[in-house]
Amino acid sequence: LEADHLLVFFGLHPRLGPIAEWGLTIDKRAIVVDTEKFQTNVPGIFAVGDINTYPGKKKLILSGFHEAALAAFAVAAHLNPAKKVPLQYTTTSPIMHKRLGLSDDAGTPPR
């Protein structure tokens, strides 16, 4: 994955710092995103976790995980619009079982 920048922030209190000057729509010190893609008003900039806001936002870690998964699919579609990204379930996917070393090349699970 090529990108100009990937900014990851960890902390107890989200602070926008220089990001506040990027022309993003901000509401009460949080970046406004759409809930389909978690993209900001600036195309190609996505925000997840406590740093974003949208109607009904709950600042829970579980919400952040959910947002990150949806944003990852949106970023993939943004970068490669013609390419479909398959969703693999780790509990039932033979492809994922093989990648995780849970089956052999024939798809047979180890004993």
N, C-alpha and C. Protein backbone atom coordinates (compact mmCIF):
# COMPACT_ATOMS: atom_id res chain seq x y z
N LEU A 1 0.85 -1.17 0.00
CA LEU A 1 0.00 0.00 0.00
C LEU A 1 0.89 1.23 0.00
N GLU A 2 0.72 2.06 -0.99
CA GLU A 2 1.47 3.30 -1.04
C GLU A 2 0.59 4.43 -0.51
N ALA A 3 1.20 5.31 0.26
CA ALA A 3 0.48 6.47 0.79
C ALA A 3 1.47 7.60 0.98
N ASP A 4 0.98 8.81 0.90
CA ASP A 4 1.85 9.95 1.20
C ASP A 4 2.17 9.97 2.69
N HIS A 5 1.14 9.73 3.51
CA HIS A 5 1.32 9.75 4.96
C HIS A 5 0.30 8.82 5.61
N LEU A 6 0.68 8.21 6.69
CA LEU A 6 -0.24 7.48 7.56
C LEU A 6 0.01 8.00 8.95
N LEU A 7 -0.98 8.64 9.52
CA LEU A 7 -0.83 9.21 10.85
C LEU A 7 -1.63 8.38 11.84
N VAL A 8 -0.97 7.88 12.85
CA VAL A 8 -1.61 7.09 13.88
C VAL A 8 -1.36 7.79 15.21
N PHE A 9 -2.43 8.05 15.93
CA PHE A 9 -2.31 8.72 17.21
C PHE A 9 -2.90 7.83 18.30
N PHE A 10 -2.19 7.73 19.39
CA PHE A 10 -2.68 6.99 20.55
C PHE A 10 -2.67 7.95 21.73
N GLY A 11 -3.67 7.88 22.56
CA GLY A 11 -3.70 8.75 23.72
C GLY A 11 -5.07 8.76 24.35
N LEU A 12 -5.15 9.44 25.45
CA LEU A 12 -6.41 9.51 26.19
C LEU A 12 -7.25 10.70 25.78
N HIS A 13 -6.62 11.75 25.26
CA HIS A 13 -7.33 12.96 24.88
C HIS A 13 -6.96 13.33 23.45
N PRO A 14 -7.90 13.18 22.53
CA PRO A 14 -7.57 13.52 21.14
C PRO A 14 -7.31 15.01 20.99
N ARG A 15 -6.19 15.34 20.39
CA ARG A 15 -5.85 16.72 20.08
C ARG A 15 -5.48 16.77 18.60
N LEU A 16 -6.07 17.68 17.90
CA LEU A 16 -5.86 17.73 16.45
C LEU A 16 -4.51 18.30 16.05
N GLY A 17 -3.96 19.21 16.83
CA GLY A 17 -2.67 19.80 16.49
C GLY A 17 -2.71 20.40 15.09
N PRO A 18 -1.66 20.18 14.28
CA PRO A 18 -1.61 20.76 12.94
C PRO A 18 -2.70 20.27 12.00
N ILE A 19 -3.31 19.12 12.30
CA ILE A 19 -4.38 18.60 11.45
C ILE A 19 -5.54 19.59 11.39
N ALA A 20 -5.71 20.39 12.43
CA ALA A 20 -6.80 21.37 12.47
C ALA A 20 -6.67 22.40 11.35
N GLU A 21 -5.49 22.53 10.77
CA GLU A 21 -5.25 23.51 9.70
C GLU A 21 -5.38 22.91 8.30
N TRP A 22 -5.82 21.67 8.16
CA TRP A 22 -5.87 20.99 6.87
C TRP A 22 -7.14 21.26 6.07
N GLY A 23 -8.05 22.05 6.62
CA GLY A 23 -9.30 22.33 5.92
C GLY A 23 -10.37 21.29 6.12
N LEU A 24 -10.21 20.46 7.15
CA LEU A 24 -11.20 19.43 7.46
C LEU A 24 -12.36 20.07 8.22
N THR A 25 -13.56 19.53 8.03
CA THR A 25 -14.70 19.99 8.80
C THR A 25 -14.56 19.47 10.22
N ILE A 26 -14.58 20.39 11.18
CA ILE A 26 -14.36 20.04 12.59
C ILE A 26 -15.57 20.50 13.40
N ASP A 27 -16.01 19.65 14.31
CA ASP A 27 -17.12 19.96 15.21
C ASP A 27 -16.70 19.58 16.62
N LYS A 28 -16.62 20.56 17.49
CA LYS A 28 -16.26 20.33 18.90
C LYS A 28 -14.97 19.52 19.02
N ARG A 29 -13.93 19.96 18.34
CA ARG A 29 -12.58 19.37 18.40
C ARG A 29 -12.52 17.93 17.87
N ALA A 30 -13.45 17.57 16.99
CA ALA A 30 -13.43 16.25 16.35
C ALA A 30 -13.67 16.43 14.86
N ILE A 31 -13.13 15.52 14.07
CA ILE A 31 -13.22 15.59 12.61
C ILE A 31 -14.52 14.92 12.15
N VAL A 32 -15.31 15.64 11.39
CA VAL A 32 -16.58 15.12 10.88
C VAL A 32 -16.30 14.15 9.73
N VAL A 33 -16.92 12.96 9.80
CA VAL A 33 -16.77 11.95 8.75
C VAL A 33 -18.15 11.45 8.34
N ASP A 34 -18.20 10.85 7.15
CA ASP A 34 -19.43 10.16 6.76
C ASP A 34 -19.35 8.74 7.31
N THR A 35 -20.47 8.17 7.66
CA THR A 35 -20.46 6.86 8.32
C THR A 35 -20.42 5.69 7.36
N GLU A 36 -20.43 5.95 6.07
CA GLU A 36 -20.29 4.85 5.11
C GLU A 36 -18.82 4.52 4.89
N LYS A 37 -17.98 5.55 4.79
CA LYS A 37 -16.57 5.34 4.46
C LYS A 37 -15.61 5.83 5.53
N PHE A 38 -16.11 6.64 6.46
CA PHE A 38 -15.27 7.29 7.47
C PHE A 38 -14.24 8.20 6.82
N GLN A 39 -14.67 8.76 5.68
CA GLN A 39 -13.86 9.74 4.97
C GLN A 39 -14.26 11.13 5.43
N THR A 40 -13.31 12.03 5.48
CA THR A 40 -13.57 13.42 5.84
C THR A 40 -14.11 14.16 4.62
N ASN A 41 -14.28 15.46 4.76
CA ASN A 41 -14.70 16.28 3.62
C ASN A 41 -13.58 16.44 2.60
N VAL A 42 -12.37 16.04 2.93
CA VAL A 42 -11.24 16.08 2.00
C VAL A 42 -11.04 14.68 1.44
N PRO A 43 -11.26 14.48 0.13
CA PRO A 43 -11.12 13.14 -0.45
C PRO A 43 -9.74 12.53 -0.16
N GLY A 44 -9.76 11.26 0.26
CA GLY A 44 -8.51 10.55 0.54
C GLY A 44 -8.03 10.67 1.97
N ILE A 45 -8.74 11.45 2.79
CA ILE A 45 -8.39 11.55 4.21
C ILE A 45 -9.51 10.91 5.01
N PHE A 46 -9.17 9.89 5.77
CA PHE A 46 -10.11 9.12 6.57
C PHE A 46 -9.76 9.28 8.04
N ALA A 47 -10.76 9.16 8.92
CA ALA A 47 -10.51 9.29 10.35
C ALA A 47 -11.38 8.30 11.11
N VAL A 48 -10.77 7.58 12.05
CA VAL A 48 -11.51 6.62 12.88
C VAL A 48 -11.14 6.83 14.34
N GLY A 49 -12.00 6.35 15.21
CA GLY A 49 -11.72 6.42 16.64
C GLY A 49 -12.22 7.72 17.26
N ASP A 50 -11.66 8.05 18.41
CA ASP A 50 -12.12 9.21 19.17
C ASP A 50 -11.89 10.53 18.46
N ILE A 51 -11.07 10.56 17.43
CA ILE A 51 -10.75 11.80 16.73
C ILE A 51 -11.86 12.22 15.77
N ASN A 52 -12.81 11.31 15.47
CA ASN A 52 -13.87 11.65 14.52
C ASN A 52 -15.20 11.86 15.23
N THR A 53 -16.15 12.40 14.48
CA THR A 53 -17.50 12.56 15.00
C THR A 53 -18.51 12.41 13.87
N TYR A 54 -19.71 12.00 14.24
CA TYR A 54 -20.84 11.86 13.32
C TYR A 54 -22.08 11.71 14.20
N PRO A 55 -23.28 11.91 13.64
CA PRO A 55 -24.49 11.78 14.45
C PRO A 55 -24.58 10.41 15.13
N GLY A 56 -24.81 10.42 16.43
CA GLY A 56 -24.93 9.18 17.19
C GLY A 56 -23.62 8.56 17.62
N LYS A 57 -22.51 9.25 17.44
CA LYS A 57 -21.17 8.73 17.77
C LYS A 57 -21.11 8.32 19.24
N LYS A 58 -20.59 7.13 19.48
CA LYS A 58 -20.31 6.63 20.83
C LYS A 58 -18.81 6.44 20.93
N LYS A 59 -18.20 7.06 21.90
CA LYS A 59 -16.74 6.96 22.05
C LYS A 59 -16.39 5.71 22.86
N LEU A 60 -16.53 4.58 22.18
CA LEU A 60 -16.20 3.28 22.76
C LEU A 60 -15.12 2.64 21.91
N ILE A 61 -14.23 1.87 22.52
CA ILE A 61 -13.17 1.21 21.76
C ILE A 61 -13.76 0.27 20.71
N LEU A 62 -14.86 -0.37 21.03
CA LEU A 62 -15.52 -1.26 20.07
C LEU A 62 -15.97 -0.48 18.84
N SER A 63 -16.47 0.73 19.05
CA SER A 63 -16.87 1.57 17.91
C SER A 63 -15.67 1.88 17.03
N GLY A 64 -14.52 2.14 17.65
CA GLY A 64 -13.30 2.42 16.90
C GLY A 64 -12.88 1.23 16.04
N PHE A 65 -12.99 0.02 16.57
CA PHE A 65 -12.65 -1.18 15.79
C PHE A 65 -13.58 -1.30 14.57
N HIS A 66 -14.87 -1.08 14.82
CA HIS A 66 -15.86 -1.14 13.74
C HIS A 66 -15.55 -0.09 12.67
N GLU A 67 -15.29 1.14 13.11
CA GLU A 67 -14.96 2.22 12.17
C GLU A 67 -13.71 1.88 11.36
N ALA A 68 -12.70 1.33 12.01
CA ALA A 68 -11.44 1.00 11.32
C ALA A 68 -11.67 -0.05 10.23
N ALA A 69 -12.50 -1.05 10.51
CA ALA A 69 -12.77 -2.09 9.51
C ALA A 69 -13.49 -1.49 8.30
N LEU A 70 -14.50 -0.66 8.55
CA LEU A 70 -15.22 -0.04 7.44
C LEU A 70 -14.33 0.92 6.66
N ALA A 71 -13.51 1.67 7.37
CA ALA A 71 -12.60 2.61 6.70
C ALA A 71 -11.58 1.86 5.85
N ALA A 72 -11.08 0.72 6.33
CA ALA A 72 -10.10 -0.05 5.57
C ALA A 72 -10.68 -0.50 4.23
N PHE A 73 -11.92 -0.97 4.23
CA PHE A 73 -12.57 -1.35 2.98
C PHE A 73 -12.77 -0.12 2.08
N ALA A 74 -13.12 1.01 2.68
CA ALA A 74 -13.32 2.24 1.90
C ALA A 74 -12.02 2.73 1.29
N VAL A 75 -10.92 2.63 2.04
CA VAL A 75 -9.61 3.04 1.52
C VAL A 75 -9.22 2.14 0.35
N ALA A 76 -9.44 0.83 0.50
CA ALA A 76 -9.12 -0.11 -0.59
C ALA A 76 -9.91 0.25 -1.85
N ALA A 77 -11.18 0.57 -1.69
CA ALA A 77 -12.00 0.95 -2.84
C ALA A 77 -11.56 2.29 -3.42
N HIS A 78 -11.13 3.19 -2.56
CA HIS A 78 -10.66 4.51 -3.00
C HIS A 78 -9.39 4.37 -3.84
N LEU A 79 -8.49 3.49 -3.41
CA LEU A 79 -7.22 3.31 -4.10
C LEU A 79 -7.34 2.47 -5.37
N ASN A 80 -8.23 1.48 -5.34
CA ASN A 80 -8.42 0.58 -6.48
C ASN A 80 -9.91 0.41 -6.76
N PRO A 81 -10.55 1.41 -7.36
CA PRO A 81 -12.01 1.36 -7.54
C PRO A 81 -12.51 0.17 -8.35
N ALA A 82 -11.71 -0.35 -9.25
CA ALA A 82 -12.17 -1.46 -10.09
C ALA A 82 -11.96 -2.83 -9.46
N LYS A 83 -11.22 -2.87 -8.35
CA LYS A 83 -10.89 -4.15 -7.72
C LYS A 83 -11.83 -4.42 -6.55
N LYS A 84 -12.46 -5.58 -6.58
CA LYS A 84 -13.33 -5.99 -5.47
C LYS A 84 -12.47 -6.61 -4.37
N VAL A 85 -12.73 -6.22 -3.14
CA VAL A 85 -12.00 -6.77 -2.00
C VAL A 85 -12.88 -7.85 -1.36
N PRO A 86 -12.45 -9.11 -1.43
CA PRO A 86 -13.26 -10.17 -0.83
C PRO A 86 -13.20 -10.12 0.69
N LEU A 87 -14.30 -10.46 1.30
CA LEU A 87 -14.36 -10.53 2.76
C LEU A 87 -14.19 -11.98 3.16
N GLN A 88 -13.14 -12.28 3.90
CA GLN A 88 -12.85 -13.65 4.32
C GLN A 88 -13.19 -13.80 5.81
N TYR A 89 -13.95 -14.81 6.12
CA TYR A 89 -14.29 -15.11 7.50
C TYR A 89 -13.26 -16.11 8.04
N THR A 90 -12.61 -15.78 9.13
CA THR A 90 -11.53 -16.64 9.64
C THR A 90 -12.05 -17.97 10.16
N THR A 91 -13.31 -18.05 10.54
CA THR A 91 -13.81 -19.30 11.10
C THR A 91 -14.24 -20.31 10.04
N THR A 92 -14.51 -19.85 8.81
CA THR A 92 -15.00 -20.77 7.79
C THR A 92 -14.24 -20.75 6.48
N SER A 93 -13.33 -19.83 6.29
CA SER A 93 -12.65 -19.67 5.01
C SER A 93 -11.46 -20.61 4.86
N PRO A 94 -11.49 -21.52 3.88
CA PRO A 94 -10.32 -22.38 3.64
C PRO A 94 -9.07 -21.58 3.27
N ILE A 95 -9.27 -20.46 2.56
CA ILE A 95 -8.13 -19.61 2.20
C ILE A 95 -7.48 -19.04 3.45
N MET A 96 -8.29 -18.53 4.37
CA MET A 96 -7.74 -17.97 5.61
C MET A 96 -7.12 -19.07 6.47
N HIS A 97 -7.75 -20.24 6.52
CA HIS A 97 -7.18 -21.36 7.29
C HIS A 97 -5.79 -21.70 6.78
N LYS A 98 -5.61 -21.72 5.46
CA LYS A 98 -4.30 -22.02 4.88
C LYS A 98 -3.30 -20.92 5.25
N ARG A 99 -3.70 -19.66 5.10
CA ARG A 99 -2.81 -18.54 5.43
C ARG A 99 -2.39 -18.56 6.90
N LEU A 100 -3.29 -18.98 7.75
CA LEU A 100 -3.00 -19.02 9.18
C LEU A 100 -2.31 -20.31 9.61
N GLY A 101 -2.05 -21.21 8.65
CA GLY A 101 -1.39 -22.47 8.97
C GLY A 101 -2.30 -23.48 9.63
N LEU A 102 -3.60 -23.30 9.45
CA LEU A 102 -4.56 -24.20 10.08
C LEU A 102 -4.98 -25.34 9.16
N SER A 103 -4.48 -25.35 7.92
CA SER A 103 -4.75 -26.46 7.00
C SER A 103 -3.59 -26.57 6.02
N ASP A 104 -3.53 -27.71 5.33
CA ASP A 104 -2.46 -27.90 4.34
C ASP A 104 -2.91 -27.39 2.98
N ASP A 105 -2.10 -27.62 1.95
CA ASP A 105 -2.42 -27.14 0.61
C ASP A 105 -3.72 -27.72 0.06
N ALA A 106 -4.09 -28.90 0.51
CA ALA A 106 -5.33 -29.53 0.05
C ALA A 106 -6.54 -29.06 0.85
N GLY A 107 -6.30 -28.23 1.86
CA GLY A 107 -7.39 -27.73 2.69
C GLY A 107 -7.74 -28.63 3.85
N THR A 108 -6.89 -29.64 4.10
CA THR A 108 -7.14 -30.57 5.20
C THR A 108 -6.64 -29.96 6.50
N PRO A 109 -7.51 -29.87 7.51
CA PRO A 109 -7.06 -29.32 8.80
C PRO A 109 -6.06 -30.26 9.47
N PRO A 110 -5.09 -29.70 10.22
CA PRO A 110 -4.15 -30.55 10.94
C PRO A 110 -4.85 -31.31 12.05
N ARG A 111 -4.29 -32.44 12.42
CA ARG A 111 -4.88 -33.24 13.50
C ARG A 111 -4.22 -32.92 14.81
